[in-house]
Every structure is written in C-alpha cells, then in structure tokens.
mmCIF file of all heavy atoms, coordinates in Angstrom:
data_MODEL
# 
_entry.id   MODEL 
# 
loop_
_atom_site.group_PDB 
_atom_site.id 
_atom_site.type_symbol 
_atom_site.label_atom_id 
_atom_site.label_alt_id 
_atom_site.label_comp_id 
_atom_site.label_asym_id 
_atom_site.label_entity_id 
_atom_site.label_seq_id 
_atom_site.pdbx_PDB_ins_code 
_atom_site.Cartn_x 
_atom_site.Cartn_y 
_atom_site.Cartn_z 
_atom_site.occupancy 
_atom_site.B_iso_or_equiv 
_atom_site.pdbx_formal_charge 
_atom_site.auth_seq_id 
_atom_site.auth_comp_id 
_atom_site.auth_asym_id 
_atom_site.auth_atom_id 
_atom_site.pdbx_PDB_model_num 
ATOM 1   N N   . LYS A 1 1  ? -19.326 8.151   -1.242 1.00 0.00 ? 1  LYS A N   1 
ATOM 2   C CA  . LYS A 1 1  ? -18.216 8.855   -0.613 1.00 0.00 ? 1  LYS A CA  1 
ATOM 3   C C   . LYS A 1 1  ? -17.537 7.952   0.413  1.00 0.00 ? 1  LYS A C   1 
ATOM 4   O O   . LYS A 1 1  ? -16.308 7.869   0.472  1.00 0.00 ? 1  LYS A O   1 
ATOM 5   C CB  . LYS A 1 1  ? -18.705 10.137  0.055  1.00 0.00 ? 1  LYS A CB  1 
ATOM 6   C CG  . LYS A 1 1  ? -17.605 10.935  0.696  1.00 0.00 ? 1  LYS A CG  1 
ATOM 7   C CD  . LYS A 1 1  ? -18.131 12.187  1.375  1.00 0.00 ? 1  LYS A CD  1 
ATOM 8   C CE  . LYS A 1 1  ? -16.987 12.910  2.068  1.00 0.00 ? 1  LYS A CE  1 
ATOM 9   N NZ  . LYS A 1 1  ? -17.463 14.024  2.876  1.00 0.00 ? 1  LYS A NZ  1 
ATOM 10  N N   . SER A 1 2  ? -18.328 7.252   1.194  1.00 0.00 ? 2  SER A N   1 
ATOM 11  C CA  . SER A 1 2  ? -17.783 6.337   2.200  1.00 0.00 ? 2  SER A CA  1 
ATOM 12  C C   . SER A 1 2  ? -16.988 5.218   1.535  1.00 0.00 ? 2  SER A C   1 
ATOM 13  O O   . SER A 1 2  ? -15.896 4.856   1.987  1.00 0.00 ? 2  SER A O   1 
ATOM 14  C CB  . SER A 1 2  ? -18.927 5.757   3.038  1.00 0.00 ? 2  SER A CB  1 
ATOM 15  O OG  . SER A 1 2  ? -18.441 4.830   3.960  1.00 0.00 ? 2  SER A OG  1 
ATOM 16  N N   . LYS A 1 3  ? -17.523 4.680   0.451  1.00 0.00 ? 3  LYS A N   1 
ATOM 17  C CA  . LYS A 1 3  ? -16.821 3.623   -0.278 1.00 0.00 ? 3  LYS A CA  1 
ATOM 18  C C   . LYS A 1 3  ? -15.507 4.147   -0.855 1.00 0.00 ? 3  LYS A C   1 
ATOM 19  O O   . LYS A 1 3  ? -14.478 3.471   -0.790 1.00 0.00 ? 3  LYS A O   1 
ATOM 20  C CB  . LYS A 1 3  ? -17.709 3.082   -1.396 1.00 0.00 ? 3  LYS A CB  1 
ATOM 21  C CG  . LYS A 1 3  ? -17.101 1.927   -2.144 1.00 0.00 ? 3  LYS A CG  1 
ATOM 22  C CD  . LYS A 1 3  ? -18.062 1.362   -3.174 1.00 0.00 ? 3  LYS A CD  1 
ATOM 23  C CE  . LYS A 1 3  ? -17.437 0.170   -3.877 1.00 0.00 ? 3  LYS A CE  1 
ATOM 24  N NZ  . LYS A 1 3  ? -18.360 -0.448  -4.836 1.00 0.00 ? 3  LYS A NZ  1 
ATOM 25  N N   . ALA A 1 4  ? -15.532 5.350   -1.393 1.00 0.00 ? 4  ALA A N   1 
ATOM 26  C CA  . ALA A 1 4  ? -14.311 5.954   -1.954 1.00 0.00 ? 4  ALA A CA  1 
ATOM 27  C C   . ALA A 1 4  ? -13.260 6.152   -0.859 1.00 0.00 ? 4  ALA A C   1 
ATOM 28  O O   . ALA A 1 4  ? -12.073 5.912   -1.089 1.00 0.00 ? 4  ALA A O   1 
ATOM 29  C CB  . ALA A 1 4  ? -14.646 7.284   -2.623 1.00 0.00 ? 4  ALA A CB  1 
ATOM 30  N N   . GLU A 1 5  ? -13.686 6.565   0.319  1.00 0.00 ? 5  GLU A N   1 
ATOM 31  C CA  . GLU A 1 5  ? -12.746 6.754   1.422  1.00 0.00 ? 5  GLU A CA  1 
ATOM 32  C C   . GLU A 1 5  ? -12.133 5.423   1.852  1.00 0.00 ? 5  GLU A C   1 
ATOM 33  O O   . GLU A 1 5  ? -10.939 5.347   2.134  1.00 0.00 ? 5  GLU A O   1 
ATOM 34  C CB  . GLU A 1 5  ? -13.434 7.440   2.599  1.00 0.00 ? 5  GLU A CB  1 
ATOM 35  C CG  . GLU A 1 5  ? -13.749 8.906   2.329  1.00 0.00 ? 5  GLU A CG  1 
ATOM 36  C CD  . GLU A 1 5  ? -14.655 9.534   3.376  1.00 0.00 ? 5  GLU A CD  1 
ATOM 37  O OE1 . GLU A 1 5  ? -15.202 8.792   4.232  1.00 0.00 ? 5  GLU A OE1 1 
ATOM 38  O OE2 . GLU A 1 5  ? -14.827 10.764  3.333  1.00 0.00 ? 5  GLU A OE2 1 
ATOM 39  N N   . ARG A 1 6  ? -12.954 4.370   1.891  1.00 0.00 ? 6  ARG A N   1 
ATOM 40  C CA  . ARG A 1 6  ? -12.432 3.041   2.245  1.00 0.00 ? 6  ARG A CA  1 
ATOM 41  C C   . ARG A 1 6  ? -11.438 2.560   1.191  1.00 0.00 ? 6  ARG A C   1 
ATOM 42  O O   . ARG A 1 6  ? -10.380 2.012   1.521  1.00 0.00 ? 6  ARG A O   1 
ATOM 43  C CB  . ARG A 1 6  ? -13.574 2.027   2.400  1.00 0.00 ? 6  ARG A CB  1 
ATOM 44  C CG  . ARG A 1 6  ? -14.380 2.192   3.650  1.00 0.00 ? 6  ARG A CG  1 
ATOM 45  C CD  . ARG A 1 6  ? -15.289 0.994   3.911  1.00 0.00 ? 6  ARG A CD  1 
ATOM 46  N NE  . ARG A 1 6  ? -16.133 0.638   2.780  1.00 0.00 ? 6  ARG A NE  1 
ATOM 47  C CZ  . ARG A 1 6  ? -17.330 1.154   2.528  1.00 0.00 ? 6  ARG A CZ  1 
ATOM 48  N NH1 . ARG A 1 6  ? -17.828 2.078   3.314  1.00 0.00 ? 6  ARG A NH1 1 
ATOM 49  N NH2 . ARG A 1 6  ? -18.019 0.757   1.481  1.00 0.00 ? 6  ARG A NH2 1 
ATOM 50  N N   . LEU A 1 7  ? -11.767 2.761   -0.081 1.00 0.00 ? 7  LEU A N   1 
ATOM 51  C CA  . LEU A 1 7  ? -10.859 2.362   -1.160 1.00 0.00 ? 7  LEU A CA  1 
ATOM 52  C C   . LEU A 1 7  ? -9.557  3.157   -1.107 1.00 0.00 ? 7  LEU A C   1 
ATOM 53  O O   . LEU A 1 7  ? -8.479  2.604   -1.336 1.00 0.00 ? 7  LEU A O   1 
ATOM 54  C CB  . LEU A 1 7  ? -11.529 2.537   -2.520 1.00 0.00 ? 7  LEU A CB  1 
ATOM 55  C CG  . LEU A 1 7  ? -12.627 1.522   -2.849 1.00 0.00 ? 7  LEU A CG  1 
ATOM 56  C CD1 . LEU A 1 7  ? -13.332 1.925   -4.137 1.00 0.00 ? 7  LEU A CD1 1 
ATOM 57  C CD2 . LEU A 1 7  ? -12.055 0.131   -2.958 1.00 0.00 ? 7  LEU A CD2 1 
ATOM 58  N N   . GLU A 1 8  ? -9.662  4.432   -0.784 1.00 0.00 ? 8  GLU A N   1 
ATOM 59  C CA  . GLU A 1 8  ? -8.462  5.264   -0.678 1.00 0.00 ? 8  GLU A CA  1 
ATOM 60  C C   . GLU A 1 8  ? -7.571  4.774   0.467  1.00 0.00 ? 8  GLU A C   1 
ATOM 61  O O   . GLU A 1 8  ? -6.350  4.686   0.315  1.00 0.00 ? 8  GLU A O   1 
ATOM 62  C CB  . GLU A 1 8  ? -8.863  6.719   -0.449 1.00 0.00 ? 8  GLU A CB  1 
ATOM 63  C CG  . GLU A 1 8  ? -7.715  7.687   -0.512 1.00 0.00 ? 8  GLU A CG  1 
ATOM 64  C CD  . GLU A 1 8  ? -8.169  9.136   -0.391 1.00 0.00 ? 8  GLU A CD  1 
ATOM 65  O OE1 . GLU A 1 8  ? -9.346  9.394   -0.122 1.00 0.00 ? 8  GLU A OE1 1 
ATOM 66  O OE2 . GLU A 1 8  ? -7.305  10.012  -0.572 1.00 0.00 ? 8  GLU A OE2 1 
ATOM 67  N N   . ALA A 1 9  ? -8.164  4.415   1.589  1.00 0.00 ? 9  ALA A N   1 
ATOM 68  C CA  . ALA A 1 9  ? -7.389  3.893   2.716  1.00 0.00 ? 9  ALA A CA  1 
ATOM 69  C C   . ALA A 1 9  ? -6.752  2.549   2.358  1.00 0.00 ? 9  ALA A C   1 
ATOM 70  O O   . ALA A 1 9  ? -5.590  2.293   2.692  1.00 0.00 ? 9  ALA A O   1 
ATOM 71  C CB  . ALA A 1 9  ? -8.284  3.746   3.943  1.00 0.00 ? 9  ALA A CB  1 
ATOM 72  N N   . ALA A 1 10 ? -7.504  1.700   1.670  1.00 0.00 ? 10 ALA A N   1 
ATOM 73  C CA  . ALA A 1 10 ? -6.960  0.403   1.256  1.00 0.00 ? 10 ALA A CA  1 
ATOM 74  C C   . ALA A 1 10 ? -5.812  0.603   0.273  1.00 0.00 ? 10 ALA A C   1 
ATOM 75  O O   . ALA A 1 10 ? -4.796  -0.100  0.344  1.00 0.00 ? 10 ALA A O   1 
ATOM 76  C CB  . ALA A 1 10 ? -8.065  -0.453  0.622  1.00 0.00 ? 10 ALA A CB  1 
ATOM 77  N N   . PHE A 1 11 ? -5.954  1.553   -0.638 1.00 0.00 ? 11 PHE A N   1 
ATOM 78  C CA  . PHE A 1 11 ? -4.897  1.832   -1.611 1.00 0.00 ? 11 PHE A CA  1 
ATOM 79  C C   . PHE A 1 11 ? -3.638  2.342   -0.907 1.00 0.00 ? 11 PHE A C   1 
ATOM 80  O O   . PHE A 1 11 ? -2.527  1.936   -1.247 1.00 0.00 ? 11 PHE A O   1 
ATOM 81  C CB  . PHE A 1 11 ? -5.388  2.848   -2.648 1.00 0.00 ? 11 PHE A CB  1 
ATOM 82  C CG  . PHE A 1 11 ? -4.386  3.138   -3.718 1.00 0.00 ? 11 PHE A CG  1 
ATOM 83  C CD1 . PHE A 1 11 ? -4.108  2.185   -4.691 1.00 0.00 ? 11 PHE A CD1 1 
ATOM 84  C CD2 . PHE A 1 11 ? -3.712  4.338   -3.757 1.00 0.00 ? 11 PHE A CD2 1 
ATOM 85  C CE1 . PHE A 1 11 ? -3.174  2.433   -5.685 1.00 0.00 ? 11 PHE A CE1 1 
ATOM 86  C CE2 . PHE A 1 11 ? -2.781  4.605   -4.739 1.00 0.00 ? 11 PHE A CE2 1 
ATOM 87  C CZ  . PHE A 1 11 ? -2.513  3.651   -5.708 1.00 0.00 ? 11 PHE A CZ  1 
ATOM 88  N N   . ALA A 1 12 ? -3.807  3.208   0.086  1.00 0.00 ? 12 ALA A N   1 
ATOM 89  C CA  . ALA A 1 12 ? -2.660  3.718   0.843  1.00 0.00 ? 12 ALA A CA  1 
ATOM 90  C C   . ALA A 1 12 ? -1.956  2.575   1.564  1.00 0.00 ? 12 ALA A C   1 
ATOM 91  O O   . ALA A 1 12 ? -0.727  2.505   1.603  1.00 0.00 ? 12 ALA A O   1 
ATOM 92  C CB  . ALA A 1 12 ? -3.114  4.784   1.830  1.00 0.00 ? 12 ALA A CB  1 
ATOM 93  N N   . SER A 1 13 ? -2.744  1.655   2.105  1.00 0.00 ? 13 SER A N   1 
ATOM 94  C CA  . SER A 1 13 ? -2.169  0.487   2.782  1.00 0.00 ? 13 SER A CA  1 
ATOM 95  C C   . SER A 1 13 ? -1.397  -0.377  1.790  1.00 0.00 ? 13 SER A C   1 
ATOM 96  O O   . SER A 1 13 ? -0.295  -0.854  2.094  1.00 0.00 ? 13 SER A O   1 
ATOM 97  C CB  . SER A 1 13 ? -3.280  -0.328  3.442  1.00 0.00 ? 13 SER A CB  1 
ATOM 98  O OG  . SER A 1 13 ? -2.769  -1.512  4.003  1.00 0.00 ? 13 SER A OG  1 
ATOM 99  N N   . LEU A 1 14 ? -1.954  -0.570  0.607  1.00 0.00 ? 14 LEU A N   1 
ATOM 100 C CA  . LEU A 1 14 ? -1.261  -1.349  -0.426 1.00 0.00 ? 14 LEU A CA  1 
ATOM 101 C C   . LEU A 1 14 ? 0.024   -0.667  -0.871 1.00 0.00 ? 14 LEU A C   1 
ATOM 102 O O   . LEU A 1 14 ? 1.046   -1.334  -1.071 1.00 0.00 ? 14 LEU A O   1 
ATOM 103 C CB  . LEU A 1 14 ? -2.176  -1.563  -1.635 1.00 0.00 ? 14 LEU A CB  1 
ATOM 104 C CG  . LEU A 1 14 ? -3.271  -2.609  -1.461 1.00 0.00 ? 14 LEU A CG  1 
ATOM 105 C CD1 . LEU A 1 14 ? -4.200  -2.590  -2.666 1.00 0.00 ? 14 LEU A CD1 1 
ATOM 106 C CD2 . LEU A 1 14 ? -2.680  -3.980  -1.257 1.00 0.00 ? 14 LEU A CD2 1 
ATOM 107 N N   . GLU A 1 15 ? -0.008  0.658   -1.017 1.00 0.00 ? 15 GLU A N   1 
ATOM 108 C CA  . GLU A 1 15 ? 1.206   1.383   -1.386 1.00 0.00 ? 15 GLU A CA  1 
ATOM 109 C C   . GLU A 1 15 ? 2.294   1.185   -0.339 1.00 0.00 ? 15 GLU A C   1 
ATOM 110 O O   . GLU A 1 15 ? 3.467   0.998   -0.675 1.00 0.00 ? 15 GLU A O   1 
ATOM 111 C CB  . GLU A 1 15 ? 0.915   2.871   -1.542 1.00 0.00 ? 15 GLU A CB  1 
ATOM 112 C CG  . GLU A 1 15 ? 0.267   3.243   -2.851 1.00 0.00 ? 15 GLU A CG  1 
ATOM 113 C CD  . GLU A 1 15 ? 0.072   4.745   -2.980 1.00 0.00 ? 15 GLU A CD  1 
ATOM 114 O OE1 . GLU A 1 15 ? -0.349  5.393   -1.991 1.00 0.00 ? 15 GLU A OE1 1 
ATOM 115 O OE2 . GLU A 1 15 ? 0.352   5.268   -4.065 1.00 0.00 ? 15 GLU A OE2 1 
ATOM 116 N N   . LYS A 1 16 ? 1.896   1.210   0.921  1.00 0.00 ? 16 LYS A N   1 
ATOM 117 C CA  . LYS A 1 16 ? 2.858   1.011   2.005  1.00 0.00 ? 16 LYS A CA  1 
ATOM 118 C C   . LYS A 1 16 ? 3.448   -0.391  1.952  1.00 0.00 ? 16 LYS A C   1 
ATOM 119 O O   . LYS A 1 16 ? 4.655   -0.584  2.084  1.00 0.00 ? 16 LYS A O   1 
ATOM 120 C CB  . LYS A 1 16 ? 2.160   1.251   3.351  1.00 0.00 ? 16 LYS A CB  1 
ATOM 121 C CG  . LYS A 1 16 ? 3.071   1.207   4.535  1.00 0.00 ? 16 LYS A CG  1 
ATOM 122 C CD  . LYS A 1 16 ? 2.303   1.520   5.817  1.00 0.00 ? 16 LYS A CD  1 
ATOM 123 C CE  . LYS A 1 16 ? 3.212   1.438   7.029  1.00 0.00 ? 16 LYS A CE  1 
ATOM 124 N NZ  . LYS A 1 16 ? 2.489   1.728   8.269  1.00 0.00 ? 16 LYS A NZ  1 
ATOM 125 N N   . ARG A 1 17 ? 2.596   -1.397  1.726  1.00 0.00 ? 17 ARG A N   1 
ATOM 126 C CA  . ARG A 1 17 ? 3.067   -2.776  1.636  1.00 0.00 ? 17 ARG A CA  1 
ATOM 127 C C   . ARG A 1 17 ? 4.000   -2.961  0.442  1.00 0.00 ? 17 ARG A C   1 
ATOM 128 O O   . ARG A 1 17 ? 5.017   -3.660  0.534  1.00 0.00 ? 17 ARG A O   1 
ATOM 129 C CB  . ARG A 1 17 ? 1.876   -3.733  1.542  1.00 0.00 ? 17 ARG A CB  1 
ATOM 130 C CG  . ARG A 1 17 ? 1.138   -3.869  2.863  1.00 0.00 ? 17 ARG A CG  1 
ATOM 131 C CD  . ARG A 1 17 ? -0.114  -4.697  2.776  1.00 0.00 ? 17 ARG A CD  1 
ATOM 132 N NE  . ARG A 1 17 ? 0.125   -6.022  2.232  1.00 0.00 ? 17 ARG A NE  1 
ATOM 133 C CZ  . ARG A 1 17 ? -0.824  -6.800  1.763  1.00 0.00 ? 17 ARG A CZ  1 
ATOM 134 N NH1 . ARG A 1 17 ? -2.076  -6.391  1.772  1.00 0.00 ? 17 ARG A NH1 1 
ATOM 135 N NH2 . ARG A 1 17 ? -0.545  -7.992  1.282  1.00 0.00 ? 17 ARG A NH2 1 
ATOM 136 N N   . VAL A 1 18 ? 3.659   -2.339  -0.688 1.00 0.00 ? 18 VAL A N   1 
ATOM 137 C CA  . VAL A 1 18 ? 4.516   -2.427  -1.878 1.00 0.00 ? 18 VAL A CA  1 
ATOM 138 C C   . VAL A 1 18 ? 5.877   -1.800  -1.589 1.00 0.00 ? 18 VAL A C   1 
ATOM 139 O O   . VAL A 1 18 ? 6.916   -2.329  -1.993 1.00 0.00 ? 18 VAL A O   1 
ATOM 140 C CB  . VAL A 1 18 ? 3.839   -1.762  -3.099 1.00 0.00 ? 18 VAL A CB  1 
ATOM 141 C CG1 . VAL A 1 18 ? 4.823   -1.549  -4.235 1.00 0.00 ? 18 VAL A CG1 1 
ATOM 142 C CG2 . VAL A 1 18 ? 2.661   -2.612  -3.569 1.00 0.00 ? 18 VAL A CG2 1 
ATOM 143 N N   . GLY A 1 19 ? 5.884   -0.694  -0.868 1.00 0.00 ? 19 GLY A N   1 
ATOM 144 C CA  . GLY A 1 19 ? 7.143   -0.063  -0.489 1.00 0.00 ? 19 GLY A CA  1 
ATOM 145 C C   . GLY A 1 19 ? 8.007   -0.989  0.344  1.00 0.00 ? 19 GLY A C   1 
ATOM 146 O O   . GLY A 1 19 ? 9.219   -1.102  0.115  1.00 0.00 ? 19 GLY A O   1 
ATOM 147 N N   . HIS A 1 20 ? 7.379   -1.681  1.300  1.00 0.00 ? 20 HIS A N   1 
ATOM 148 C CA  . HIS A 1 20 ? 8.126   -2.644  2.117  1.00 0.00 ? 20 HIS A CA  1 
ATOM 149 C C   . HIS A 1 20 ? 8.656   -3.797  1.263  1.00 0.00 ? 20 HIS A C   1 
ATOM 150 O O   . HIS A 1 20 ? 9.798   -4.227  1.435  1.00 0.00 ? 20 HIS A O   1 
ATOM 151 C CB  . HIS A 1 20 ? 7.248   -3.203  3.245  1.00 0.00 ? 20 HIS A CB  1 
ATOM 152 C CG  . HIS A 1 20 ? 6.994   -2.235  4.348  1.00 0.00 ? 20 HIS A CG  1 
ATOM 153 N ND1 . HIS A 1 20 ? 7.966   -1.813  5.222  1.00 0.00 ? 20 HIS A ND1 1 
ATOM 154 C CD2 . HIS A 1 20 ? 5.875   -1.592  4.724  1.00 0.00 ? 20 HIS A CD2 1 
ATOM 155 C CE1 . HIS A 1 20 ? 7.455   -0.965  6.086  1.00 0.00 ? 20 HIS A CE1 1 
ATOM 156 N NE2 . HIS A 1 20 ? 6.179   -0.806  5.803  1.00 0.00 ? 20 HIS A NE2 1 
ATOM 157 N N   . LEU A 1 21 ? 7.825   -4.292  0.356  1.00 0.00 ? 21 LEU A N   1 
ATOM 158 C CA  . LEU A 1 21 ? 8.258   -5.390  -0.510 1.00 0.00 ? 21 LEU A CA  1 
ATOM 159 C C   . LEU A 1 21 ? 9.404   -4.971  -1.421 1.00 0.00 ? 21 LEU A C   1 
ATOM 160 O O   . LEU A 1 21 ? 10.336  -5.752  -1.656 1.00 0.00 ? 21 LEU A O   1 
ATOM 161 C CB  . LEU A 1 21 ? 7.078   -5.906  -1.336 1.00 0.00 ? 21 LEU A CB  1 
ATOM 162 C CG  . LEU A 1 21 ? 6.010   -6.677  -0.564 1.00 0.00 ? 21 LEU A CG  1 
ATOM 163 C CD1 . LEU A 1 21 ? 4.813   -6.961  -1.456 1.00 0.00 ? 21 LEU A CD1 1 
ATOM 164 C CD2 . LEU A 1 21 ? 6.578   -7.959  0.008  1.00 0.00 ? 21 LEU A CD2 1 
ATOM 165 N N   . GLU A 1 22 ? 9.346   -3.754  -1.937 1.00 0.00 ? 22 GLU A N   1 
ATOM 166 C CA  . GLU A 1 22 ? 10.435  -3.279  -2.783 1.00 0.00 ? 22 GLU A CA  1 
ATOM 167 C C   . GLU A 1 22 ? 11.732  -3.170  -1.987 1.00 0.00 ? 22 GLU A C   1 
ATOM 168 O O   . GLU A 1 22 ? 12.805  -3.519  -2.493 1.00 0.00 ? 22 GLU A O   1 
ATOM 169 C CB  . GLU A 1 22 ? 10.075  -1.933  -3.405 1.00 0.00 ? 22 GLU A CB  1 
ATOM 170 C CG  . GLU A 1 22 ? 9.034   -2.046  -4.509 1.00 0.00 ? 22 GLU A CG  1 
ATOM 171 C CD  . GLU A 1 22 ? 8.578   -0.704  -5.043 1.00 0.00 ? 22 GLU A CD  1 
ATOM 172 O OE1 . GLU A 1 22 ? 8.799   0.330   -4.379 1.00 0.00 ? 22 GLU A OE1 1 
ATOM 173 O OE2 . GLU A 1 22 ? 7.976   -0.698  -6.131 1.00 0.00 ? 22 GLU A OE2 1 
ATOM 174 N N   . ALA A 1 23 ? 11.638  -2.698  -0.735 1.00 0.00 ? 23 ALA A N   1 
ATOM 175 C CA  . ALA A 1 23 ? 12.836  -2.603  0.113  1.00 0.00 ? 23 ALA A CA  1 
ATOM 176 C C   . ALA A 1 23 ? 13.397  -3.996  0.398  1.00 0.00 ? 23 ALA A C   1 
ATOM 177 O O   . ALA A 1 23 ? 14.619  -4.206  0.351  1.00 0.00 ? 23 ALA A O   1 
ATOM 178 C CB  . ALA A 1 23 ? 12.496  -1.886  1.414  1.00 0.00 ? 23 ALA A CB  1 
ATOM 179 N N   . GLU A 1 24 ? 12.510  -4.953  0.682  1.00 0.00 ? 24 GLU A N   1 
ATOM 180 C CA  . GLU A 1 24 ? 12.968  -6.326  0.907  1.00 0.00 ? 24 GLU A CA  1 
ATOM 181 C C   . GLU A 1 24 ? 13.597  -6.906  -0.356 1.00 0.00 ? 24 GLU A C   1 
ATOM 182 O O   . GLU A 1 24 ? 14.583  -7.641  -0.280 1.00 0.00 ? 24 GLU A O   1 
ATOM 183 C CB  . GLU A 1 24 ? 11.803  -7.202  1.368  1.00 0.00 ? 24 GLU A CB  1 
ATOM 184 C CG  . GLU A 1 24 ? 11.354  -6.917  2.777  1.00 0.00 ? 24 GLU A CG  1 
ATOM 185 C CD  . GLU A 1 24 ? 10.180  -7.773  3.201  1.00 0.00 ? 24 GLU A CD  1 
ATOM 186 O OE1 . GLU A 1 24 ? 9.824   -8.726  2.479  1.00 0.00 ? 24 GLU A OE1 1 
ATOM 187 O OE2 . GLU A 1 24 ? 9.610   -7.484  4.257  1.00 0.00 ? 24 GLU A OE2 1 
ATOM 188 N N   . ASN A 1 25 ? 13.035  -6.583  -1.498 1.00 0.00 ? 25 ASN A N   1 
ATOM 189 C CA  . ASN A 1 25 ? 13.572  -7.065  -2.768 1.00 0.00 ? 25 ASN A CA  1 
ATOM 190 C C   . ASN A 1 25 ? 14.994  -6.547  -2.984 1.00 0.00 ? 25 ASN A C   1 
ATOM 191 O O   . ASN A 1 25 ? 15.871  -7.289  -3.430 1.00 0.00 ? 25 ASN A O   1 
ATOM 192 C CB  . ASN A 1 25 ? 12.660  -6.640  -3.914 1.00 0.00 ? 25 ASN A CB  1 
ATOM 193 C CG  . ASN A 1 25 ? 12.980  -7.341  -5.205 1.00 0.00 ? 25 ASN A CG  1 
ATOM 194 O OD1 . ASN A 1 25 ? 13.510  -8.442  -5.207 1.00 0.00 ? 25 ASN A OD1 1 
ATOM 195 N ND2 . ASN A 1 25 ? 12.657  -6.692  -6.312 1.00 0.00 ? 25 ASN A ND2 1 
ATOM 196 N N   . VAL A 1 26 ? 15.218  -5.283  -2.660 1.00 0.00 ? 26 VAL A N   1 
ATOM 197 C CA  . VAL A 1 26 ? 16.565  -4.704  -2.786 1.00 0.00 ? 26 VAL A CA  1 
ATOM 198 C C   . VAL A 1 26 ? 17.531  -5.456  -1.872 1.00 0.00 ? 26 VAL A C   1 
ATOM 199 O O   . VAL A 1 26 ? 18.640  -5.821  -2.283 1.00 0.00 ? 26 VAL A O   1 
ATOM 200 C CB  . VAL A 1 26 ? 16.542  -3.200  -2.457 1.00 0.00 ? 26 VAL A CB  1 
ATOM 201 C CG1 . VAL A 1 26 ? 17.949  -2.648  -2.278 1.00 0.00 ? 26 VAL A CG1 1 
ATOM 202 C CG2 . VAL A 1 26 ? 15.812  -2.434  -3.550 1.00 0.00 ? 26 VAL A CG2 1 
ATOM 203 N N   . MET A 1 27 ? 17.097  -5.699  -0.627 1.00 0.00 ? 27 MET A N   1 
ATOM 204 C CA  . MET A 1 27 ? 17.968  -6.420  0.313  1.00 0.00 ? 27 MET A CA  1 
ATOM 205 C C   . MET A 1 27 ? 18.247  -7.841  -0.175 1.00 0.00 ? 27 MET A C   1 
ATOM 206 O O   . MET A 1 27 ? 19.380  -8.328  -0.075 1.00 0.00 ? 27 MET A O   1 
ATOM 207 C CB  . MET A 1 27 ? 17.343  -6.450  1.703  1.00 0.00 ? 27 MET A CB  1 
ATOM 208 C CG  . MET A 1 27 ? 17.326  -5.101  2.376  1.00 0.00 ? 27 MET A CG  1 
ATOM 209 S SD  . MET A 1 27 ? 16.799  -5.082  4.113  1.00 0.00 ? 27 MET A SD  1 
ATOM 210 C CE  . MET A 1 27 ? 15.415  -6.168  4.160  1.00 0.00 ? 27 MET A CE  1 
ATOM 211 N N   . LEU A 1 28 ? 17.250  -8.514  -0.726 1.00 0.00 ? 28 LEU A N   1 
ATOM 212 C CA  . LEU A 1 28 ? 17.449  -9.868  -1.235 1.00 0.00 ? 28 LEU A CA  1 
ATOM 213 C C   . LEU A 1 28 ? 18.401  -9.878  -2.426 1.00 0.00 ? 28 LEU A C   1 
ATOM 214 O O   . LEU A 1 28 ? 19.227  -10.789 -2.557 1.00 0.00 ? 28 LEU A O   1 
ATOM 215 C CB  . LEU A 1 28 ? 16.112  -10.501 -1.619 1.00 0.00 ? 28 LEU A CB  1 
ATOM 216 C CG  . LEU A 1 28 ? 15.223  -10.915 -0.448 1.00 0.00 ? 28 LEU A CG  1 
ATOM 217 C CD1 . LEU A 1 28 ? 13.851  -11.337 -0.956 1.00 0.00 ? 28 LEU A CD1 1 
ATOM 218 C CD2 . LEU A 1 28 ? 15.870  -12.034 0.348  1.00 0.00 ? 28 LEU A CD2 1 
# 
C-alpha cells in the first residue's frame, strides 16, 4: 500500500510535468 501511494504521487508529479512541457511546446 505504501509503495502504491508513492507510485501514485510520482505519477501525479509526472502528469504535472508533462502538462508543463505540453504548454511549453505550444509556446515554442
């Protein structure tokens, strides 16, 4: 359960980073 929670938090962080990268890509 602890590992799943850590993976879920890491995935949320990656989703956020991907969102930023997509926004930067649009601007570029």
